[in-house]
Amino acid sequence: MKYFVLALLLLPVFVNSQGFPKKPTNYVTTFDPFYTNQSYLSKKQEEALNAKLRAFEDSTSNQLFIYITSSLYAKDLEDYSREIFNTWGIGQKDKNNGILIAIFIEDRSYRIQVGYGLEAALPSDLCKQIQDEHMGPHFKKRDYYEGIQAGVDQLIFYSRHEYKPPTAFEQMKTPIIVTFLAGLVLLIINLSSLKKWSNQPKRKQKYLLLGILFLVIPIILAFVINSLQTEAHYLMIPILVGSFAELLLCIVINDKGGVRYDYESDAAYERRMREQAARESSSSDSSSDSGSGGGGSSGSGGSSSNW
């Protein structure tokens, strides 16, 4: 008896060895090989999608099919999606303008398979973007209809409009802005610190010019690199170098020890250095004296804290 039940369960697989149904008459197919009555889309949702995809084909001749089933059953996602696509012959034969969205619920896997005729309009990077940004977030919430709807809308739009991949600057926009703002903050600190250099106008003017150049030149170089259409991460090199140079300048500006003033004579410079050394020596002696007090002891006094 148990073998009979097993045979009944496996009957759909034996009858249909390819694992998926023949090409449907509608655009949306929900395949339930074991007749579990599992439903991922309501009848009303399927009708809405079929109407949209029928209008899409009527206006463009492009065909977009949706296939939903429970599992891949250990098959390779890309190979299996391509097999469904080719077996169904999606798209016009002379145009190869077909699209398949294949969704495997239990495996949490899905793929957009595109015919040769639409690969220019729908490149792999764009399909991945549509999946990750528009479909995936809905699928994670098990809202399959909204995810499919969002993906279909994007595919319809880009099949009618030329896709322009993001520029290198657009890809690195956030890290560039963050690094530039860090350099800008350092420039503001440098401008504030330069007030202390009022008795050295030449050096003050030089540091002011360097601070501005360290901020402006990297931006110009970044735009030049962006125009060359190189890899996006190259844009960060001049921005990082500029911010690091701004940091070094900040250290130099705030370290005035031993710096000779613009109009200071040799005798005045030597006298100022002797006076500074004397002050430091006096301060050191004072610290030594204050640290030589009696050696008291302590028990459980005091307190401890965590933050």
C-alpha atoms as a PDB file:
ATOM      1  CA  MET A   1       0.000   0.000   0.000  1.00  0.00           C
ATOM      2  CA  LYS A   2       2.782   2.418   0.914  1.00  0.00           C
ATOM      3  CA  TYR A   3       4.429   1.828  -2.485  1.00  0.00           C
ATOM      4  CA  PHE A   4       1.143   2.681  -4.180  1.00  0.00           C
ATOM      5  CA  VAL A   5       0.921   5.958  -2.266  1.00  0.00           C
ATOM      6  CA  LEU A   6       4.549   6.741  -3.133  1.00  0.00           C
ATOM      7  CA  ALA A   7       3.849   6.038  -6.791  1.00  0.00           C
ATOM      8  CA  LEU A   8       0.902   8.422  -6.718  1.00  0.00           C
ATOM      9  CA  LEU A   9       3.094  11.115  -5.175  1.00  0.00           C
ATOM     10  CA  LEU A  10       5.771  10.646  -7.799  1.00  0.00           C
ATOM     11  CA  LEU A  11       3.309  10.366 -10.691  1.00  0.00           C
ATOM     12  CA  PRO A  12       3.581  14.029 -11.708  1.00  0.00           C
ATOM     13  CA  VAL A  13       7.342  13.683 -11.945  1.00  0.00           C
ATOM     14  CA  PHE A  14       7.135  10.531 -14.070  1.00  0.00           C
ATOM     15  CA  VAL A  15       4.491  12.031 -16.325  1.00  0.00           C
ATOM     16  CA  ASN A  16       6.454  15.235 -16.725  1.00  0.00           C
ATOM     17  CA  SER A  17      10.131  14.268 -16.587  1.00  0.00           C
ATOM     18  CA  GLN A  18      11.302  17.820 -17.287  1.00  0.00           C
ATOM     19  CA  GLY A  19       9.840  18.937 -13.944  1.00  0.00           C
ATOM     20  CA  PHE A  20       7.738  21.837 -15.239  1.00  0.00           C
ATOM     21  CA  PRO A  21       4.566  22.085 -17.344  1.00  0.00           C
ATOM     22  CA  LYS A  22       4.310  22.737 -21.050  1.00  0.00           C
ATOM     23  CA  LYS A  23       4.163  26.339 -22.238  1.00  0.00           C
ATOM     24  CA  PRO A  24       1.048  27.874 -20.695  1.00  0.00           C
ATOM     25  CA  THR A  25      -1.518  30.017 -22.455  1.00  0.00           C
ATOM     26  CA  ASN A  26      -1.305  32.661 -19.710  1.00  0.00           C
ATOM     27  CA  TYR A  27       1.738  34.664 -18.669  1.00  0.00           C
ATOM     28  CA  VAL A  28       1.648  33.607 -15.005  1.00  0.00           C
ATOM     29  CA  THR A  29       2.126  29.966 -14.037  1.00  0.00           C
ATOM     30  CA  THR A  30       1.951  28.641 -10.482  1.00  0.00           C
ATOM     31  CA  PHE A  31       3.084  25.014 -10.660  1.00  0.00           C
ATOM     32  CA  ASP A  32       2.105  22.616  -7.854  1.00  0.00           C
ATOM     33  CA  PRO A  33       3.515  19.205  -8.884  1.00  0.00           C
ATOM     34  CA  PHE A  34       2.227  17.348  -5.838  1.00  0.00           C
ATOM     35  CA  TYR A  35      -1.226  18.948  -5.718  1.00  0.00           C
ATOM     36  CA  THR A  36      -0.780  20.397  -2.251  1.00  0.00           C
ATOM     37  CA  ASN A  37      -3.164  23.287  -3.000  1.00  0.00           C
ATOM     38  CA  GLN A  38      -0.396  25.663  -1.995  1.00  0.00           C
ATOM     39  CA  SER A  39      -1.173  29.116  -3.385  1.00  0.00           C
ATOM     40  CA  TYR A  40       1.308  31.991  -3.595  1.00  0.00           C
ATOM     41  CA  LEU A  41      -0.893  34.366  -5.615  1.00  0.00           C
ATOM     42  CA  SER A  42      -4.614  34.875  -5.437  1.00  0.00           C
ATOM     43  CA  LYS A  43      -6.734  34.441  -8.541  1.00  0.00           C
ATOM     44  CA  LYS A  44      -7.317  38.196  -8.660  1.00  0.00           C
ATOM     45  CA  GLN A  45      -3.573  38.880  -8.481  1.00  0.00           C
ATOM     46  CA  GLU A  46      -2.842  36.425 -11.300  1.00  0.00           C
ATOM     47  CA  GLU A  47      -5.510  38.063 -13.459  1.00  0.00           C
ATOM     48  CA  ALA A  48      -4.034  41.517 -12.838  1.00  0.00           C
ATOM     49  CA  LEU A  49      -0.546  40.347 -13.788  1.00  0.00           C
ATOM     50  CA  ASN A  50      -1.780  38.513 -16.877  1.00  0.00           C
ATOM     51  CA  ALA A  51      -3.619  41.633 -18.049  1.00  0.00           C
ATOM     52  CA  LYS A  52      -0.535  43.807 -17.555  1.00  0.00           C
ATOM     53  CA  LEU A  53       1.762  41.376 -19.369  1.00  0.00           C
ATOM     54  CA  ARG A  54      -0.705  40.923 -22.225  1.00  0.00           C
ATOM     55  CA  ALA A  55      -0.799  44.698 -22.709  1.00  0.00           C
ATOM     56  CA  PHE A  56       3.013  44.748 -22.564  1.00  0.00           C
ATOM     57  CA  GLU A  57       3.289  42.203 -25.381  1.00  0.00           C
ATOM     58  CA  ASP A  58       0.624  43.932 -27.463  1.00  0.00           C
ATOM     59  CA  SER A  59       2.463  47.262 -27.285  1.00  0.00           C
ATOM     60  CA  THR A  60       6.067  46.033 -27.654  1.00  0.00           C
ATOM     61  CA  SER A  61       5.932  42.408 -28.907  1.00  0.00           C
ATOM     62  CA  ASN A  62       8.116  41.521 -25.876  1.00  0.00           C
ATOM     63  CA  GLN A  63       6.958  38.525 -23.861  1.00  0.00           C
ATOM     64  CA  LEU A  64       7.373  38.336 -20.096  1.00  0.00           C
ATOM     65  CA  PHE A  65       6.424  35.073 -18.364  1.00  0.00           C
ATOM     66  CA  ILE A  66       6.324  34.328 -14.640  1.00  0.00           C
ATOM     67  CA  TYR A  67       6.883  30.845 -13.255  1.00  0.00           C
ATOM     68  CA  ILE A  68       6.313  30.118  -9.553  1.00  0.00           C
ATOM     69  CA  THR A  69       6.838  26.763  -7.892  1.00  0.00           C
ATOM     70  CA  SER A  70       7.838  25.343  -4.530  1.00  0.00           C
ATOM     71  CA  SER A  71      11.375  24.078  -5.106  1.00  0.00           C
ATOM     72  CA  LEU A  72      14.281  23.557  -7.477  1.00  0.00           C
ATOM     73  CA  TYR A  73      14.661  19.991  -6.206  1.00  0.00           C
ATOM     74  CA  ALA A  74      18.478  20.297  -6.239  1.00  0.00           C
ATOM     75  CA  LYS A  75      18.602  21.647  -9.790  1.00  0.00           C
ATOM     76  CA  ASP A  76      20.904  24.547 -10.716  1.00  0.00           C
ATOM     77  CA  LEU A  77      18.953  27.793 -10.717  1.00  0.00           C
ATOM     78  CA  GLU A  78      20.507  29.296 -13.839  1.00  0.00           C
ATOM     79  CA  ASP A  79      20.461  26.093 -15.895  1.00  0.00           C
ATOM     80  CA  TYR A  80      16.892  25.257 -14.886  1.00  0.00           C
ATOM     81  CA  SER A  81      15.621  28.776 -15.630  1.00  0.00           C
ATOM     82  CA  ARG A  82      17.315  28.671 -19.032  1.00  0.00           C
ATOM     83  CA  GLU A  83      15.753  25.264 -19.714  1.00  0.00           C
ATOM     84  CA  ILE A  84      12.259  26.580 -18.938  1.00  0.00           C
ATOM     85  CA  PHE A  85      12.897  29.670 -21.060  1.00  0.00           C
ATOM     86  CA  ASN A  86      14.118  27.696 -24.087  1.00  0.00           C
ATOM     87  CA  THR A  87      11.522  24.934 -23.801  1.00  0.00           C
ATOM     88  CA  TRP A  88       8.699  27.445 -23.672  1.00  0.00           C
ATOM     89  CA  GLY A  89      10.259  29.497 -26.458  1.00  0.00           C
ATOM     90  CA  ILE A  90       9.533  32.806 -24.735  1.00  0.00           C
ATOM     91  CA  GLY A  91       9.728  35.807 -27.064  1.00  0.00           C
ATOM     92  CA  GLN A  92       9.383  36.259 -30.805  1.00  0.00           C
ATOM     93  CA  LYS A  93      11.560  33.785 -32.691  1.00  0.00           C
ATOM     94  CA  ASP A  94      13.130  36.416 -34.954  1.00  0.00           C
ATOM     95  CA  LYS A  95      13.675  38.901 -32.081  1.00  0.00           C
ATOM     96  CA  ASN A  96      14.537  36.731 -29.059  1.00  0.00           C
ATOM     97  CA  ASN A  97      12.735  39.334 -26.982  1.00  0.00           C
ATOM     98  CA  GLY A  98      11.551  37.195 -24.085  1.00  0.00           C
ATOM     99  CA  ILE A  99      11.873  37.518 -20.297  1.00  0.00           C
ATOM    100  CA  LEU A 100      11.244  34.876 -17.636  1.00  0.00           C
ATOM    101  CA  ILE A 101      10.924  35.455 -13.905  1.00  0.00           C
ATOM    102  CA  ALA A 102      11.392  32.059 -12.254  1.00  0.00           C
ATOM    103  CA  ILE A 103      10.660  31.882  -8.497  1.00  0.00           C
ATOM    104  CA  PHE A 104      11.305  28.897  -6.210  1.00  0.00           C
ATOM    105  CA  ILE A 105       9.674  29.642  -2.881  1.00  0.00           C
ATOM    106  CA  GLU A 106      11.111  27.030  -0.509  1.00  0.00           C
ATOM    107  CA  ASP A 107      14.631  27.570  -1.860  1.00  0.00           C
ATOM    108  CA  ARG A 108      14.204  31.341  -1.515  1.00  0.00           C
ATOM    109  CA  SER A 109      15.711  31.609  -4.989  1.00  0.00           C
ATOM    110  CA  TYR A 110      14.601  33.464  -8.071  1.00  0.00           C
ATOM    111  CA  ARG A 111      16.061  34.520 -11.382  1.00  0.00           C
ATOM    112  CA  ILE A 112      15.349  36.896 -14.238  1.00  0.00           C
ATOM    113  CA  GLN A 113      16.221  35.126 -17.489  1.00  0.00           C
ATOM    114  CA  VAL A 114      16.520  37.432 -20.504  1.00  0.00           C
ATOM    115  CA  GLY A 115      16.513  36.562 -24.213  1.00  0.00           C
ATOM    116  CA  TYR A 116      19.414  37.579 -26.444  1.00  0.00           C
ATOM    117  CA  GLY A 117      17.379  40.313 -28.093  1.00  0.00           C
ATOM    118  CA  LEU A 118      16.844  42.170 -24.801  1.00  0.00           C
ATOM    119  CA  GLU A 119      20.269  41.729 -23.212  1.00  0.00           C
ATOM    120  CA  ALA A 120      21.349  45.217 -24.293  1.00  0.00           C
ATOM    121  CA  ALA A 121      18.283  46.819 -22.706  1.00  0.00           C
ATOM    122  CA  LEU A 122      18.318  44.523 -19.650  1.00  0.00           C
ATOM    123  CA  PRO A 123      21.967  43.668 -18.831  1.00  0.00           C
ATOM    124  CA  SER A 124      22.820  41.331 -15.967  1.00  0.00           C
ATOM    125  CA  ASP A 125      23.810  44.178 -13.617  1.00  0.00           C
ATOM    126  CA  LEU A 126      20.446  45.853 -14.087  1.00  0.00           C
ATOM    127  CA  CYS A 127      18.537  42.591 -13.524  1.00  0.00           C
ATOM    128  CA  LYS A 128      20.511  42.027 -10.319  1.00  0.00           C
ATOM    129  CA  GLN A 129      19.682  45.555  -9.191  1.00  0.00           C
ATOM    130  CA  ILE A 130      15.981  45.005  -9.891  1.00  0.00           C
ATOM    131  CA  GLN A 131      16.040  41.759  -7.924  1.00  0.00           C
ATOM    132  CA  ASP A 132      17.936  43.117  -4.918  1.00  0.00           C
ATOM    133  CA  GLU A 133      16.306  46.536  -4.636  1.00  0.00           C
ATOM    134  CA  HIS A 134      12.748  46.012  -5.876  1.00  0.00           C
ATOM    135  CA  MET A 135      11.815  42.341  -5.572  1.00  0.00           C
ATOM    136  CA  GLY A 136      13.864  40.859  -2.739  1.00  0.00           C
ATOM    137  CA  PRO A 137      12.600  43.148   0.067  1.00  0.00           C
ATOM    138  CA  HIS A 138       9.003  42.084  -0.672  1.00  0.00           C
ATOM    139  CA  PHE A 139       9.902  38.394  -0.978  1.00  0.00           C
ATOM    140  CA  LYS A 140      11.557  38.489   2.448  1.00  0.00           C
ATOM    141  CA  LYS A 141       8.180  39.536   3.864  1.00  0.00           C
ATOM    142  CA  ARG A 142       6.475  36.754   1.839  1.00  0.00           C
ATOM    143  CA  ASP A 143       4.635  39.400  -0.157  1.00  0.00           C
ATOM    144  CA  TYR A 144       5.213  37.647  -3.471  1.00  0.00           C
ATOM    145  CA  TYR A 145       2.677  39.617  -5.475  1.00  0.00           C
ATOM    146  CA  GLU A 146       4.158  43.009  -4.569  1.00  0.00           C
ATOM    147  CA  GLY A 147       7.660  41.716  -5.299  1.00  0.00           C
ATOM    148  CA  ILE A 148       6.655  40.353  -8.695  1.00  0.00           C
ATOM    149  CA  GLN A 149       4.700  43.511  -9.458  1.00  0.00           C
ATOM    150  CA  ALA A 150       7.704  45.704  -8.612  1.00  0.00           C
ATOM    151  CA  GLY A 151      10.026  43.573 -10.745  1.00  0.00           C
ATOM    152  CA  VAL A 152       7.636  43.521 -13.691  1.00  0.00           C
ATOM    153  CA  ASP A 153       7.246  47.309 -13.588  1.00  0.00           C
ATOM    154  CA  GLN A 154      11.022  47.791 -13.663  1.00  0.00           C
ATOM    155  CA  LEU A 155      11.520  45.298 -16.481  1.00  0.00           C
ATOM    156  CA  ILE A 156       8.781  46.926 -18.539  1.00  0.00           C
ATOM    157  CA  PHE A 157      10.265  50.375 -17.961  1.00  0.00           C
ATOM    158  CA  TYR A 158      13.851  49.490 -18.871  1.00  0.00           C
ATOM    159  CA  SER A 159      12.855  47.399 -21.870  1.00  0.00           C
ATOM    160  CA  ARG A 160      11.394  50.625 -23.281  1.00  0.00           C
ATOM    161  CA  HIS A 161      14.104  53.030 -22.078  1.00  0.00           C
ATOM    162  CA  GLU A 162      17.854  52.880 -22.507  1.00  0.00           C
ATOM    163  CA  TYR A 163      19.596  51.797 -19.323  1.00  0.00           C
ATOM    164  CA  LYS A 164      22.526  53.946 -18.275  1.00  0.00           C
ATOM    165  CA  PRO A 165      24.768  52.242 -15.709  1.00  0.00           C
ATOM    166  CA  PRO A 166      25.756  54.372 -12.699  1.00  0.00           C
ATOM    167  CA  THR A 167      28.959  56.360 -13.065  1.00  0.00           C
ATOM    168  CA  ALA A 168      31.950  55.688 -10.850  1.00  0.00           C
ATOM    169  CA  PHE A 169      31.094  58.788  -8.811  1.00  0.00           C
ATOM    170  CA  GLU A 170      27.524  57.574  -8.261  1.00  0.00           C
ATOM    171  CA  GLN A 171      28.811  54.196  -7.045  1.00  0.00           C
ATOM    172  CA  MET A 172      31.252  55.782  -4.566  1.00  0.00           C
ATOM    173  CA  LYS A 173      29.088  58.755  -3.636  1.00  0.00           C
ATOM    174  CA  THR A 174      28.714  58.008   0.085  1.00  0.00           C
ATOM    175  CA  PRO A 175      32.395  57.266   0.965  1.00  0.00           C
ATOM    176  CA  ILE A 176      33.513  60.247  -1.148  1.00  0.00           C
ATOM    177  CA  ILE A 177      31.153  62.610   0.676  1.00  0.00           C
ATOM    178  CA  VAL A 178      32.156  61.269   4.111  1.00  0.00           C
ATOM    179  CA  THR A 179      35.890  61.585   3.346  1.00  0.00           C
ATOM    180  CA  PHE A 180      35.428  65.068   1.845  1.00  0.00           C
ATOM    181  CA  LEU A 181      33.518  66.231   4.934  1.00  0.00           C
ATOM    182  CA  ALA A 182      36.346  64.929   7.136  1.00  0.00           C
ATOM    183  CA  GLY A 183      38.802  66.998   5.082  1.00  0.00           C
ATOM    184  CA  LEU A 184      36.498  70.020   5.322  1.00  0.00           C
ATOM    185  CA  VAL A 185      36.343  69.720   9.120  1.00  0.00           C
ATOM    186  CA  LEU A 186      40.146  69.568   9.252  1.00  0.00           C
ATOM    187  CA  LEU A 187      40.362  72.661   7.034  1.00  0.00           C
ATOM    188  CA  ILE A 188      38.061  74.554   9.424  1.00  0.00           C
ATOM    189  CA  ILE A 189      40.257  73.477  12.352  1.00  0.00           C
ATOM    190  CA  ASN A 190      43.333  74.648  10.441  1.00  0.00           C
ATOM    191  CA  LEU A 191      41.775  78.030   9.687  1.00  0.00           C
ATOM    192  CA  SER A 192      40.976  78.446  13.376  1.00  0.00           C
ATOM    193  CA  SER A 193      44.487  77.395  14.418  1.00  0.00           C
ATOM    194  CA  LEU A 194      46.130  79.853  11.999  1.00  0.00           C
ATOM    195  CA  LYS A 195      45.008  82.735  14.226  1.00  0.00           C
ATOM    196  CA  LYS A 196      47.881  81.770  16.516  1.00  0.00           C
ATOM    197  CA  TRP A 197      50.349  82.479  13.702  1.00  0.00           C
ATOM    198  CA  SER A 198      49.579  86.206  13.446  1.00  0.00           C
ATOM    199  CA  ASN A 199      53.250  87.081  14.068  1.00  0.00           C
ATOM    200  CA  GLN A 200      54.313  84.922  11.111  1.00  0.00           C
ATOM    201  CA  PRO A 201      52.239  86.252   8.174  1.00  0.00           C
ATOM    202  CA  LYS A 202      54.254  84.561   5.408  1.00  0.00           C
ATOM    203  CA  ARG A 203      54.019  81.109   6.942  1.00  0.00           C
ATOM    204  CA  LYS A 204      50.368  81.710   7.823  1.00  0.00           C
ATOM    205  CA  GLN A 205      49.595  82.606   4.211  1.00  0.00           C
ATOM    206  CA  LYS A 206      51.439  79.502   2.973  1.00  0.00           C
ATOM    207  CA  TYR A 207      49.543  77.186   5.326  1.00  0.00           C
ATOM    208  CA  LEU A 208      46.241  78.794   4.373  1.00  0.00           C
ATOM    209  CA  LEU A 209      46.936  78.204   0.669  1.00  0.00           C
ATOM    210  CA  LEU A 210      47.984  74.589   1.308  1.00  0.00           C
ATOM    211  CA  GLY A 211      44.837  73.911   3.339  1.00  0.00           C
ATOM    212  CA  ILE A 212      42.597  75.111   0.511  1.00  0.00           C
ATOM    213  CA  LEU A 213      44.565  73.249  -2.166  1.00  0.00           C
ATOM    214  CA  PHE A 214      44.469  69.980  -0.174  1.00  0.00           C
ATOM    215  CA  LEU A 215      40.672  70.218  -0.250  1.00  0.00           C
ATOM    216  CA  VAL A 216      40.058  71.490  -3.791  1.00  0.00           C
ATOM    217  CA  ILE A 217      42.639  69.629  -5.901  1.00  0.00           C
ATOM    218  CA  PRO A 218      41.464  66.110  -4.856  1.00  0.00           C
ATOM    219  CA  ILE A 219      37.910  66.979  -5.925  1.00  0.00           C
ATOM    220  CA  ILE A 220      39.142  68.170  -9.327  1.00  0.00           C
ATOM    221  CA  LEU A 221      41.215  64.990  -9.740  1.00  0.00           C
ATOM    222  CA  ALA A 222      38.208  62.857  -8.749  1.00  0.00           C
ATOM    223  CA  PHE A 223      36.097  64.463 -11.494  1.00  0.00           C
ATOM    224  CA  VAL A 224      38.904  63.885 -14.007  1.00  0.00           C
ATOM    225  CA  ILE A 225      39.143  60.214 -12.998  1.00  0.00           C
ATOM    226  CA  ASN A 226      35.360  59.897 -13.215  1.00  0.00           C
ATOM    227  CA  SER A 227      35.417  61.248 -16.788  1.00  0.00           C
ATOM    228  CA  LEU A 228      37.944  58.546 -17.735  1.00  0.00           C
ATOM    229  CA  GLN A 229      35.360  55.868 -16.818  1.00  0.00           C
ATOM    230  CA  THR A 230      37.805  53.880 -14.703  1.00  0.00           C
ATOM    231  CA  GLU A 231      36.919  51.592 -11.797  1.00  0.00           C
ATOM    232  CA  ALA A 232      34.943  53.349  -9.083  1.00  0.00           C
ATOM    233  CA  HIS A 233      37.386  52.767  -6.202  1.00  0.00           C
ATOM    234  CA  TYR A 234      40.078  54.829  -7.967  1.00  0.00           C
ATOM    235  CA  LEU A 235      38.018  57.932  -7.162  1.00  0.00           C
ATOM    236  CA  MET A 236      38.793  57.496  -3.470  1.00  0.00           C
ATOM    237  CA  ILE A 237      42.575  57.773  -3.913  1.00  0.00           C
ATOM    238  CA  PRO A 238      42.845  61.583  -4.372  1.00  0.00           C
ATOM    239  CA  ILE A 239      40.128  62.227  -1.759  1.00  0.00           C
ATOM    240  CA  LEU A 240      41.903  60.081   0.841  1.00  0.00           C
ATOM    241  CA  VAL A 241      45.310  61.588   0.041  1.00  0.00           C
ATOM    242  CA  GLY A 242      43.877  65.112   0.301  1.00  0.00           C
ATOM    243  CA  SER A 243      42.245  64.434   3.688  1.00  0.00           C
ATOM    244  CA  PHE A 244      45.435  62.812   5.006  1.00  0.00           C
ATOM    245  CA  ALA A 245      47.494  65.815   3.839  1.00  0.00           C
ATOM    246  CA  GLU A 246      44.976  68.084   5.586  1.00  0.00           C
ATOM    247  CA  LEU A 247      45.508  66.069   8.783  1.00  0.00           C
ATOM    248  CA  LEU A 248      49.306  66.395   8.538  1.00  0.00           C
ATOM    249  CA  LEU A 249      48.939  70.127   7.971  1.00  0.00           C
ATOM    250  CA  CYS A 250      46.767  70.315  11.079  1.00  0.00           C
ATOM    251  CA  ILE A 251      49.541  68.670  13.108  1.00  0.00           C
ATOM    252  CA  VAL A 252      52.168  71.057  11.716  1.00  0.00           C
ATOM    253  CA  ILE A 253      50.060  74.161  12.316  1.00  0.00           C
ATOM    254  CA  ASN A 254      49.377  73.236  15.929  1.00  0.00           C
ATOM    255  CA  ASP A 255      53.017  72.394  16.709  1.00  0.00           C
ATOM    256  CA  LYS A 256      54.812  75.732  17.085  1.00  0.00           C
ATOM    257  CA  GLY A 257      57.661  74.511  19.265  1.00  0.00           C
ATOM    258  CA  GLY A 258      61.077  75.536  17.891  1.00  0.00           C
ATOM    259  CA  VAL A 259      59.621  77.373  14.871  1.00  0.00           C
ATOM    260  CA  ARG A 260      61.451  80.530  13.912  1.00  0.00           C
ATOM    261  CA  TYR A 261      59.270  83.604  13.348  1.00  0.00           C
ATOM    262  CA  ASP A 262      59.367  85.359   9.959  1.00  0.00           C
ATOM    263  CA  TYR A 263      61.087  88.571  11.166  1.00  0.00           C
ATOM    264  CA  GLU A 264      62.994  87.140  14.126  1.00  0.00           C
ATOM    265  CA  SER A 265      66.771  87.836  14.356  1.00  0.00           C
ATOM    266  CA  ASP A 266      69.294  85.138  15.237  1.00  0.00           C
ATOM    267  CA  ALA A 267      69.861  86.614  18.701  1.00  0.00           C
ATOM    268  CA  ALA A 268      66.118  86.890  19.409  1.00  0.00           C
ATOM    269  CA  TYR A 269      65.501  83.304  18.245  1.00  0.00           C
ATOM    270  CA  GLU A 270      68.311  81.931  20.462  1.00  0.00           C
ATOM    271  CA  ARG A 271      67.085  83.945  23.460  1.00  0.00           C
ATOM    272  CA  ARG A 272      63.505  82.672  22.990  1.00  0.00           C
ATOM    273  CA  MET A 273      64.710  79.070  22.772  1.00  0.00           C
ATOM    274  CA  ARG A 274      66.767  79.478  26.005  1.00  0.00           C
ATOM    275  CA  GLU A 275      63.780  80.965  27.796  1.00  0.00           C
ATOM    276  CA  GLN A 276      61.523  78.141  26.570  1.00  0.00           C
ATOM    277  CA  ALA A 277      64.059  75.523  27.715  1.00  0.00           C
ATOM    278  CA  ALA A 278      64.318  77.226  31.103  1.00  0.00           C
ATOM    279  CA  ARG A 279      60.526  77.201  31.525  1.00  0.00           C
ATOM    280  CA  GLU A 280      60.327  73.524  30.626  1.00  0.00           C
ATOM    281  CA  SER A 281      63.157  72.705  33.049  1.00  0.00           C
ATOM    282  CA  SER A 282      61.485  74.674  35.826  1.00  0.00           C
ATOM    283  CA  SER A 283      58.176  72.910  35.167  1.00  0.00           C
ATOM    284  CA  SER A 284      59.895  69.525  35.303  1.00  0.00           C
ATOM    285  CA  ASP A 285      61.559  70.295  38.644  1.00  0.00           C
ATOM    286  CA  SER A 286      58.240  71.443  40.086  1.00  0.00           C
ATOM    287  CA  SER A 287      56.564  68.212  39.038  1.00  0.00           C
ATOM    288  CA  SER A 288      59.306  66.160  40.696  1.00  0.00           C
ATOM    289  CA  ASP A 289      58.914  68.022  43.979  1.00  0.00           C
ATOM    290  CA  SER A 290      55.153  67.619  44.087  1.00  0.00           C
ATOM    291  CA  GLY A 291      55.406  63.883  43.477  1.00  0.00           C
ATOM    292  CA  SER A 292      57.654  63.153  46.456  1.00  0.00           C
ATOM    293  CA  GLY A 293      55.004  63.256  49.196  1.00  0.00           C
ATOM    294  CA  GLY A 294      54.452  60.698  51.975  1.00  0.00           C
ATOM    295  CA  GLY A 295      53.503  57.153  51.125  1.00  0.00           C
ATOM    296  CA  GLY A 296      50.020  56.696  52.525  1.00  0.00           C
ATOM    297  CA  SER A 297      48.016  53.449  52.356  1.00  0.00           C
ATOM    298  CA  SER A 298      44.469  52.731  51.313  1.00  0.00           C
ATOM    299  CA  GLY A 299      41.962  50.045  52.107  1.00  0.00           C
ATOM    300  CA  SER A 300      38.446  49.778  50.702  1.00  0.00           C
ATOM    301  CA  GLY A 301      37.897  53.491  50.196  1.00  0.00           C
ATOM    302  CA  GLY A 302      36.771  54.915  46.844  1.00  0.00           C
ATOM    303  CA  SER A 303      34.282  53.651  44.284  1.00  0.00           C
ATOM    304  CA  SER A 304      34.085  51.898  40.908  1.00  0.00           C
ATOM    305  CA  SER A 305      31.753  52.489  37.962  1.00  0.00           C
ATOM    306  CA  ASN A 306      30.882  51.123  34.523  1.00  0.00           C
ATOM    307  CA  TRP A 307      29.488  53.150  31.644  1.00  0.00           C
END
